[in-house]
């Protein structure tokens, strides 16, 4: 029996291997940032609105400054893309609505967005930047 290897077959095989590699590297993970705390600032349209301290512990994200408004953190998930770790979480407050956080940790820096949604008010999109607390 004679086997014929074609360019199309090799290309298809390589495509399948690459898609599997991408699938593994972008699988949602829990707890990848546990033990890290970042300090930085929140901005609205490029203007500083507040300091912010963001902690990751036991699979949960907490923004220290938001606790006083009834936001007590939320479970977070991460995906890894090269050396960057992307995370997502949503915090909920009975009185103040929801804050949906999305960010990227690269080395000792963090940056991203936070969308605050509350009934009766227009959504506010904040950006944040910070560094790892030592």
Protein backbone atom coordinates (compact mmCIF):
# COMPACT_ATOMS: atom_id res chain seq x y z
CA UNK A 1 0.00 0.00 0.00
CA UNK A 2 1.36 3.34 -1.02
CA UNK A 3 0.75 6.48 1.06
CA UNK A 4 0.59 9.82 -0.68
CA UNK A 5 1.19 12.93 1.40
CA UNK A 6 -0.18 16.07 -0.16
CA UNK A 7 0.37 19.69 0.68
CA UNK A 8 -3.33 20.00 1.46
CA UNK A 9 -3.13 17.11 3.96
CA UNK A 10 -0.08 18.59 5.70
CA UNK A 11 -1.67 22.04 5.85
CA UNK A 12 -4.90 20.61 7.29
CA UNK A 13 -2.96 18.66 9.92
CA UNK A 14 -1.00 21.76 10.94
CA UNK A 15 -4.20 23.80 11.16
CA UNK A 16 -5.77 21.21 13.47
CA UNK A 17 -2.69 21.16 15.71
CA UNK A 18 -2.61 24.97 15.92
CA UNK A 19 -6.31 25.20 16.73
CA UNK A 20 -5.84 22.71 19.57
CA UNK A 21 -2.91 24.74 20.92
CA UNK A 22 -4.96 27.94 20.86
CA UNK A 23 -7.86 26.18 22.56
CA UNK A 24 -5.63 25.06 25.41
CA UNK A 25 -4.01 28.46 25.89
CA UNK A 26 -7.34 30.31 26.01
CA UNK A 27 -9.25 27.90 28.24
CA UNK A 28 -10.89 29.68 31.17
CA UNK A 29 -8.98 29.16 34.39
CA UNK A 30 -9.79 29.96 38.01
CA UNK A 31 -7.36 31.23 40.60
CA UNK A 32 -4.44 32.06 38.28
CA UNK A 33 -3.99 35.48 39.93
CA UNK A 34 -4.60 34.40 43.53
CA UNK A 35 -2.32 36.07 46.05
CA UNK A 36 -1.77 39.21 43.97
CA UNK A 37 -2.80 42.74 44.95
CA UNK A 38 -2.48 45.72 42.63
CA UNK A 39 -2.65 49.41 43.50
CA UNK A 40 -3.45 52.06 40.95
CA UNK A 41 -6.06 54.52 39.84
CA UNK A 42 -9.48 54.58 38.20
CA UNK A 43 -10.13 57.06 35.40
CA UNK A 44 -13.24 58.40 33.71
CA UNK A 45 -12.49 59.83 30.26
CA UNK A 46 -8.80 59.98 31.13
CA UNK A 47 -9.32 61.90 34.39
CA UNK A 48 -8.44 60.25 37.72
CA UNK A 49 -11.55 59.59 39.79
CA UNK A 50 -10.17 57.45 42.62
CA UNK A 51 -7.35 55.27 43.83
CA UNK A 52 -8.02 51.58 43.55
CA UNK A 53 -6.71 48.48 45.27
CA UNK A 54 -7.58 45.24 43.48
CA UNK A 55 -6.96 41.89 45.16
CA UNK A 56 -7.23 38.32 43.93
CA UNK A 57 -7.70 35.63 46.58
CA UNK A 58 -9.33 32.18 46.63
CA UNK A 59 -10.70 32.62 43.09
CA UNK A 60 -12.33 35.94 44.02
CA UNK A 61 -11.62 39.52 42.89
CA UNK A 62 -12.22 42.41 45.31
CA UNK A 63 -11.90 46.14 44.69
CA UNK A 64 -11.22 47.58 48.16
CA UNK A 65 -12.67 51.01 47.40
CA UNK A 66 -15.96 49.50 46.17
CA UNK A 67 -16.68 47.60 49.40
CA UNK A 68 -18.19 50.71 51.02
CA UNK A 69 -20.81 50.75 48.23
CA UNK A 70 -21.85 47.15 48.85
CA UNK A 71 -19.66 45.49 46.21
CA UNK A 72 -18.07 42.54 47.97
CA UNK A 73 -16.15 41.00 45.10
CA UNK A 74 -16.92 38.27 42.64
CA UNK A 75 -15.45 35.08 41.26
CA UNK A 76 -13.03 35.74 38.44
CA UNK A 77 -11.89 33.73 35.44
CA UNK A 78 -8.70 34.10 33.46
CA UNK A 79 -7.31 33.22 30.07
CA UNK A 80 -3.65 33.19 29.19
CA UNK A 81 -2.35 34.76 25.99
CA UNK A 82 1.43 34.51 25.84
CA UNK A 83 2.81 36.24 28.94
CA UNK A 84 -0.43 38.15 29.59
CA UNK A 85 -3.25 36.94 31.84
CA UNK A 86 -6.66 38.34 30.96
CA UNK A 87 -9.35 38.32 33.64
CA UNK A 88 -13.09 38.95 33.93
CA UNK A 89 -15.37 39.32 36.91
CA UNK A 90 -18.63 40.95 37.93
CA UNK A 91 -19.31 42.47 41.34
CA UNK A 92 -22.89 43.06 42.46
CA UNK A 93 -24.37 45.46 45.02
CA UNK A 94 -28.05 45.45 46.02
CA UNK A 95 -28.14 49.27 46.00
CA UNK A 96 -25.47 50.19 43.45
CA UNK A 97 -25.96 47.69 40.60
CA UNK A 98 -23.12 45.82 38.92
CA UNK A 99 -19.50 46.47 38.06
CA UNK A 100 -18.13 44.34 35.24
CA UNK A 101 -14.33 44.25 35.27
CA UNK A 102 -12.13 43.14 32.37
CA UNK A 103 -8.40 43.49 32.50
CA UNK A 104 -4.96 42.24 31.63
CA UNK A 105 -2.06 41.46 33.93
CA UNK A 106 1.36 41.52 32.28
CA UNK A 107 4.25 40.99 34.67
CA UNK A 108 3.70 43.44 37.53
CA UNK A 109 1.18 45.70 35.78
CA UNK A 110 -2.59 45.60 35.47
CA UNK A 111 -4.91 47.58 33.23
CA UNK A 112 -8.42 47.34 31.90
CA UNK A 113 -11.98 48.59 32.10
CA UNK A 114 -14.82 48.57 34.57
CA UNK A 115 -18.40 49.10 33.45
CA UNK A 116 -20.70 50.31 36.23
CA UNK A 117 -24.38 49.70 35.50
CA UNK A 118 -27.14 50.87 37.83
CA UNK A 119 -30.88 51.18 37.28
CA UNK A 120 -31.92 54.79 36.69
CA UNK A 121 -28.50 56.03 35.57
CA UNK A 122 -26.43 55.95 32.43
CA UNK A 123 -23.69 53.28 32.39
CA UNK A 124 -20.24 54.59 33.28
CA UNK A 125 -17.12 53.08 31.72
CA UNK A 126 -13.97 53.49 33.79
CA UNK A 127 -10.43 52.54 32.87
CA UNK A 128 -7.84 51.50 35.42
CA UNK A 129 -4.09 51.00 35.62
CA UNK A 130 -1.92 49.80 38.45
CA UNK A 131 1.13 47.93 39.63
CA UNK A 132 1.71 44.90 41.82
CA UNK A 133 1.80 45.74 45.52
CA UNK A 134 5.04 44.57 47.11
